[in-house]
């Protein structure tokens, strides 16, 4: 089974349902990054935009409002549960968006888009060079690519701190492969530039973004979220009830260290904002 097939299974199983259930909270968590990415990507009225890894539709809906009636937005994702919610939300908002359940690494695209956009949707490809070469076929001559991806786990304690706190109560974990498909696969900016160049893109720029993730005031809810979404959710596996109780207590204590003066749990976030053009 290829890694992409693994990802398709993962995002159509528990992970896809968890993201769907927690859509509002996840959008709040990522709101600062969303604002920075929208400014960086610079969508404009009349554009045709492809949203890769569109998830529950938040970014696709925002893009559709910007491009207006003279433009158009298409959203692709491998997660049926998330796409179902995206379609419901767009219809409720009266927005016409062409959602498709598809793997952007293999989907046949027409060269009809001005911008390919992604909020954390492009780090999961088995063969990223081939995937981005395929994504490039969706762009018109002179089209652009803009996406955001995570930097290293230590720079992102929203993910690394809960996992470290839980480690004493988990089975021994194999060392992660930093290049394997996953949220931190593009932590190395040199690798990102190399992948995009090999895929046929030019004018690659990689900019730092540093912010915070506002996760809410209720540390119990925030701790519960980390057991459903993020690296800890994968590591916890089939831990028994006693282990889970110990993990929750340890994660609560770790998260309390990031309580801001406002009262919100707000650990740092560290991302790359990446832009490229058709060469």
Protein backbone atom coordinates (compact mmCIF):
# COMPACT_ATOMS: atom_id res chain seq x y z
CA UNK A 1 0.00 0.00 0.00
CA UNK A 2 1.40 3.42 -0.94
CA UNK A 3 1.62 6.25 1.57
CA UNK A 4 -1.06 8.14 -0.35
CA UNK A 5 -3.40 5.18 0.10
CA UNK A 6 -2.52 5.23 3.80
CA UNK A 7 -3.40 8.91 3.92
CA UNK A 8 -6.69 8.36 2.09
CA UNK A 9 -7.66 5.69 4.61
CA UNK A 10 -6.56 7.85 7.55
CA UNK A 11 -8.52 10.95 6.45
CA UNK A 12 -11.65 8.96 5.67
CA UNK A 13 -11.62 7.20 9.03
CA UNK A 14 -11.48 8.68 12.53
CA UNK A 15 -9.30 11.68 11.60
CA UNK A 16 -11.77 12.97 9.02
CA UNK A 17 -14.68 12.62 11.42
CA UNK A 18 -12.74 14.29 14.25
CA UNK A 19 -11.85 17.29 12.07
CA UNK A 20 -15.47 17.52 10.98
CA UNK A 21 -16.71 17.41 14.57
CA UNK A 22 -14.18 20.03 15.67
CA UNK A 23 -14.40 22.28 12.60
CA UNK A 24 -15.25 25.48 14.46
CA UNK A 25 -12.53 24.94 17.05
CA UNK A 26 -9.90 24.10 14.44
CA UNK A 27 -10.78 27.20 12.41
CA UNK A 28 -10.34 29.26 15.57
CA UNK A 29 -6.99 27.56 16.30
CA UNK A 30 -5.71 28.39 12.81
CA UNK A 31 -7.23 31.87 12.48
CA UNK A 32 -3.96 33.81 12.78
CA UNK A 33 -2.26 31.61 10.20
CA UNK A 34 -5.31 31.91 7.94
CA UNK A 35 -5.11 35.71 7.97
CA UNK A 36 -1.38 35.65 7.17
CA UNK A 37 -1.82 33.12 4.36
CA UNK A 38 -4.66 35.04 2.72
CA UNK A 39 -2.55 38.22 2.65
CA UNK A 40 0.45 36.28 1.33
CA UNK A 41 -1.51 34.45 -1.39
CA UNK A 42 -3.30 37.65 -2.50
CA UNK A 43 -6.44 36.18 -4.12
CA UNK A 44 -8.33 38.79 -6.14
CA UNK A 45 -11.74 39.30 -7.75
CA UNK A 46 -12.21 37.36 -10.97
CA UNK A 47 -9.57 34.73 -10.24
CA UNK A 48 -10.01 31.00 -10.81
CA UNK A 49 -8.58 29.26 -7.73
CA UNK A 50 -7.90 25.63 -6.83
CA UNK A 51 -7.90 24.94 -3.06
CA UNK A 52 -5.84 21.78 -2.41
CA UNK A 53 -6.72 19.95 0.80
CA UNK A 54 -9.77 22.15 1.23
CA UNK A 55 -11.02 20.12 4.20
CA UNK A 56 -14.24 21.41 5.73
CA UNK A 57 -14.41 24.31 3.29
CA UNK A 58 -13.41 27.34 5.34
CA UNK A 59 -10.69 28.53 2.99
CA UNK A 60 -12.68 27.67 -0.15
CA UNK A 61 -15.61 29.74 1.12
CA UNK A 62 -13.38 32.70 1.94
CA UNK A 63 -11.76 32.50 -1.49
CA UNK A 64 -15.16 32.30 -3.20
CA UNK A 65 -16.27 35.49 -1.47
CA UNK A 66 -13.11 37.26 -2.66
CA UNK A 67 -13.17 36.13 -6.30
CA UNK A 68 -16.86 36.98 -6.57
CA UNK A 69 -19.23 36.16 -9.43
CA UNK A 70 -16.60 36.75 -12.11
CA UNK A 71 -14.23 34.18 -10.60
CA UNK A 72 -14.52 30.61 -9.42
CA UNK A 73 -13.21 28.25 -6.75
CA UNK A 74 -12.66 24.49 -6.88
CA UNK A 75 -11.79 22.50 -3.76
CA UNK A 76 -10.19 19.05 -3.70
CA UNK A 77 -9.66 16.78 -0.72
CA UNK A 78 -9.33 13.06 -0.04
CA UNK A 79 -11.62 13.13 3.03
CA UNK A 80 -15.26 12.33 2.30
CA UNK A 81 -16.48 13.36 5.79
CA UNK A 82 -14.77 16.75 5.57
CA UNK A 83 -15.97 17.38 2.03
CA UNK A 84 -19.52 16.54 3.05
CA UNK A 85 -19.44 19.28 5.67
CA UNK A 86 -17.75 21.67 3.22
CA UNK A 87 -20.54 21.18 0.70
CA UNK A 88 -23.23 21.72 3.35
CA UNK A 89 -21.59 24.91 4.58
CA UNK A 90 -21.13 26.34 1.09
CA UNK A 91 -24.75 25.62 0.13
CA UNK A 92 -25.99 27.21 3.35
CA UNK A 93 -23.91 30.30 2.60
CA UNK A 94 -25.17 30.45 -0.99
CA UNK A 95 -21.70 29.97 -2.44
CA UNK A 96 -21.08 28.00 -5.62
CA UNK A 97 -17.89 25.97 -5.13
CA UNK A 98 -16.91 22.89 -7.13
CA UNK A 99 -15.82 20.38 -4.48
CA UNK A 100 -14.31 17.06 -5.57
CA UNK A 101 -13.17 14.01 -3.62
CA UNK A 102 -9.78 13.54 -5.26
CA UNK A 103 -6.07 13.05 -4.61
CA UNK A 104 -4.35 16.16 -5.95
CA UNK A 105 -1.27 14.06 -6.66
CA UNK A 106 -3.13 12.06 -9.29
CA UNK A 107 -6.22 14.05 -10.31
CA UNK A 108 -6.27 15.16 -13.94
CA UNK A 109 -6.49 18.95 -14.00
CA UNK A 110 -7.11 21.41 -16.80
CA UNK A 111 -4.76 24.44 -16.96
CA UNK A 112 -7.49 26.89 -16.01
CA UNK A 113 -6.50 28.30 -12.60
CA UNK A 114 -4.76 31.55 -11.74
CA UNK A 115 -3.86 30.38 -8.24
CA UNK A 116 -3.37 27.07 -6.46
CA UNK A 117 -3.87 27.64 -2.73
CA UNK A 118 -3.46 25.36 0.28
CA UNK A 119 -3.70 25.69 4.05
CA UNK A 120 -1.74 22.69 5.37
CA UNK A 121 -2.95 20.39 2.58
CA UNK A 122 0.24 19.54 0.68
CA UNK A 123 2.58 17.80 3.15
CA UNK A 124 1.08 14.33 2.81
CA UNK A 125 2.19 13.14 -0.63
CA UNK A 126 4.11 9.89 -1.10
CA UNK A 127 6.06 11.42 -3.99
CA UNK A 128 5.94 15.19 -3.51
CA UNK A 129 7.85 16.05 -6.68
CA UNK A 130 5.40 14.09 -8.83
CA UNK A 131 2.47 15.50 -6.85
CA UNK A 132 3.50 19.11 -7.35
CA UNK A 133 4.27 18.47 -11.01
CA UNK A 134 0.69 17.24 -11.35
CA UNK A 135 -0.68 20.20 -9.39
CA UNK A 136 1.22 22.53 -11.71
CA UNK A 137 -0.90 21.24 -14.60
CA UNK A 138 -3.88 23.01 -12.98
CA UNK A 139 -2.29 26.44 -13.51
CA UNK A 140 -2.58 28.76 -16.47
CA UNK A 141 0.60 30.21 -17.93
CA UNK A 142 1.71 32.82 -15.41
CA UNK A 143 -0.28 31.18 -12.60
CA UNK A 144 0.86 31.03 -9.00
CA UNK A 145 1.09 28.55 -6.13
CA UNK A 146 0.75 29.67 -2.49
CA UNK A 147 0.60 27.49 0.60
CA UNK A 148 1.43 27.29 4.29
CA UNK A 149 3.17 24.37 6.00
CA UNK A 150 4.53 23.71 9.48
CA UNK A 151 8.15 24.19 10.53
CA UNK A 152 9.76 21.78 13.01
CA UNK A 153 7.88 20.12 15.92
CA UNK A 154 10.03 21.83 18.61
CA UNK A 155 9.00 25.20 17.13
CA UNK A 156 5.35 24.12 17.37
CA UNK A 157 4.66 23.18 21.01
CA UNK A 158 0.91 22.99 20.32
CA UNK A 159 1.91 19.60 18.84
CA UNK A 160 5.18 18.65 20.51
CA UNK A 161 4.38 19.54 24.14
CA UNK A 162 1.34 17.23 24.50
CA UNK A 163 3.26 14.39 22.83
CA UNK A 164 6.27 14.86 25.11
CA UNK A 165 4.02 14.98 28.19
CA UNK A 166 2.31 11.74 27.16
CA UNK A 167 5.52 9.88 26.28
CA UNK A 168 6.03 8.18 29.71
CA UNK A 169 2.59 6.55 29.39
CA UNK A 170 2.92 5.38 25.79
CA UNK A 171 4.64 2.34 24.28
CA UNK A 172 8.13 3.02 22.96
CA UNK A 173 7.75 5.04 19.76
CA UNK A 174 10.07 4.55 16.76
CA UNK A 175 11.98 7.70 15.81
CA UNK A 176 9.89 9.64 13.28
CA UNK A 177 11.12 9.93 9.71
CA UNK A 178 11.27 13.70 9.15
CA UNK A 179 10.73 13.23 5.41
CA UNK A 180 7.73 10.90 5.67
CA UNK A 181 4.34 12.25 4.59
CA UNK A 182 2.81 14.09 7.53
CA UNK A 183 2.28 17.51 9.06
CA UNK A 184 6.00 18.28 9.50
CA UNK A 185 7.30 16.81 6.23
CA UNK A 186 8.11 20.28 4.85
CA UNK A 187 9.91 21.61 7.93
CA UNK A 188 13.17 21.97 5.94
CA UNK A 189 12.82 24.99 3.63
CA UNK A 190 15.66 23.76 1.45
CA UNK A 191 13.76 20.56 0.78
CA UNK A 192 10.62 22.54 -0.10
CA UNK A 193 12.53 24.68 -2.60
CA UNK A 194 14.16 21.61 -4.13
CA UNK A 195 10.82 19.77 -4.49
CA UNK A 196 9.16 22.73 -6.19
CA UNK A 197 12.11 23.32 -8.53
CA UNK A 198 12.15 19.66 -9.56
CA UNK A 199 8.37 19.85 -10.13
CA UNK A 200 8.89 22.67 -12.63
CA UNK A 201 8.08 25.74 -10.54
CA UNK A 202 10.15 28.90 -10.54
CA UNK A 203 10.39 32.02 -8.42
CA UNK A 204 10.14 30.04 -5.19
CA UNK A 205 10.03 32.12 -2.01
CA UNK A 206 9.79 30.70 1.52
CA UNK A 207 8.95 33.16 4.31
CA UNK A 208 8.77 32.62 8.05
CA UNK A 209 5.53 33.09 9.92
CA UNK A 210 5.52 33.06 13.73
CA UNK A 211 2.33 33.34 15.74
CA UNK A 212 0.27 31.71 18.45
CA UNK A 213 -2.53 29.18 18.39
CA UNK A 214 -5.46 30.35 20.46
CA UNK A 215 -6.83 27.00 21.65
CA UNK A 216 -9.41 28.21 24.15
CA UNK A 217 -9.63 28.88 27.89
CA UNK A 218 -10.84 25.49 29.10
CA UNK A 219 -7.72 23.36 29.49
CA UNK A 220 -9.80 20.18 29.76
CA UNK A 221 -11.33 20.79 26.32
CA UNK A 222 -7.96 21.71 24.85
CA UNK A 223 -6.35 18.57 26.27
CA UNK A 224 -9.19 16.44 24.91
CA UNK A 225 -8.67 18.02 21.49
CA UNK A 226 -4.99 16.99 21.42
CA UNK A 227 -6.08 13.37 21.90
CA UNK A 228 -8.26 13.64 18.78
CA UNK A 229 -6.23 15.87 16.44
CA UNK A 230 -2.46 16.21 16.05
CA UNK A 231 0.58 13.98 16.58
CA UNK A 232 -0.59 12.72 19.97
CA UNK A 233 -3.84 11.47 18.43
CA UNK A 234 -1.81 9.12 16.23
CA UNK A 235 0.60 8.02 18.95
CA UNK A 236 -2.01 7.23 21.58
CA UNK A 237 -3.41 4.35 19.54
CA UNK A 238 -5.16 1.76 21.68
CA UNK A 239 -3.96 3.02 25.07
CA UNK A 240 -6.07 1.65 27.91
CA UNK A 241 -8.26 3.72 30.20
CA UNK A 242 -5.63 4.08 32.93
CA UNK A 243 -2.98 5.24 30.47
CA UNK A 244 -5.40 7.71 28.91
CA UNK A 245 -6.22 9.18 32.32
CA UNK A 246 -2.51 9.66 33.04
CA UNK A 247 -1.97 11.17 29.60
CA UNK A 248 -4.82 13.66 30.03
CA UNK A 249 -3.43 14.79 33.39
CA UNK A 250 0.07 15.18 31.98
CA UNK A 251 -1.16 17.04 28.89
CA UNK A 252 -3.27 19.40 31.01
CA UNK A 253 -0.18 20.33 33.04
CA UNK A 254 1.90 20.83 29.90
CA UNK A 255 -0.71 23.04 28.26
CA UNK A 256 -1.16 25.22 31.34
CA UNK A 257 2.38 26.49 30.76
CA UNK A 258 1.07 28.23 27.63
CA UNK A 259 -1.77 30.11 29.31
CA UNK A 260 -1.61 33.73 28.14
CA UNK A 261 -2.49 36.79 30.25
CA UNK A 262 -5.85 36.78 28.44
CA UNK A 263 -6.59 33.41 30.04
CA UNK A 264 -6.37 31.50 26.74
CA UNK A 265 -4.13 28.51 26.13
CA UNK A 266 -1.94 29.99 23.36
CA UNK A 267 1.20 28.04 22.42
CA UNK A 268 3.48 29.35 19.67
CA UNK A 269 3.09 28.37 16.03
CA UNK A 270 5.85 28.36 13.42
CA UNK A 271 5.16 28.00 9.70
CA UNK A 272 6.57 28.56 6.24
CA UNK A 273 4.61 30.67 3.78
CA UNK A 274 5.58 29.36 0.36
CA UNK A 275 5.02 30.96 -3.02
CA UNK A 276 6.01 29.81 -6.51
CA UNK A 277 5.15 30.47 -10.14
CA UNK A 278 4.87 28.53 -13.34
CA UNK A 279 8.39 28.60 -14.73
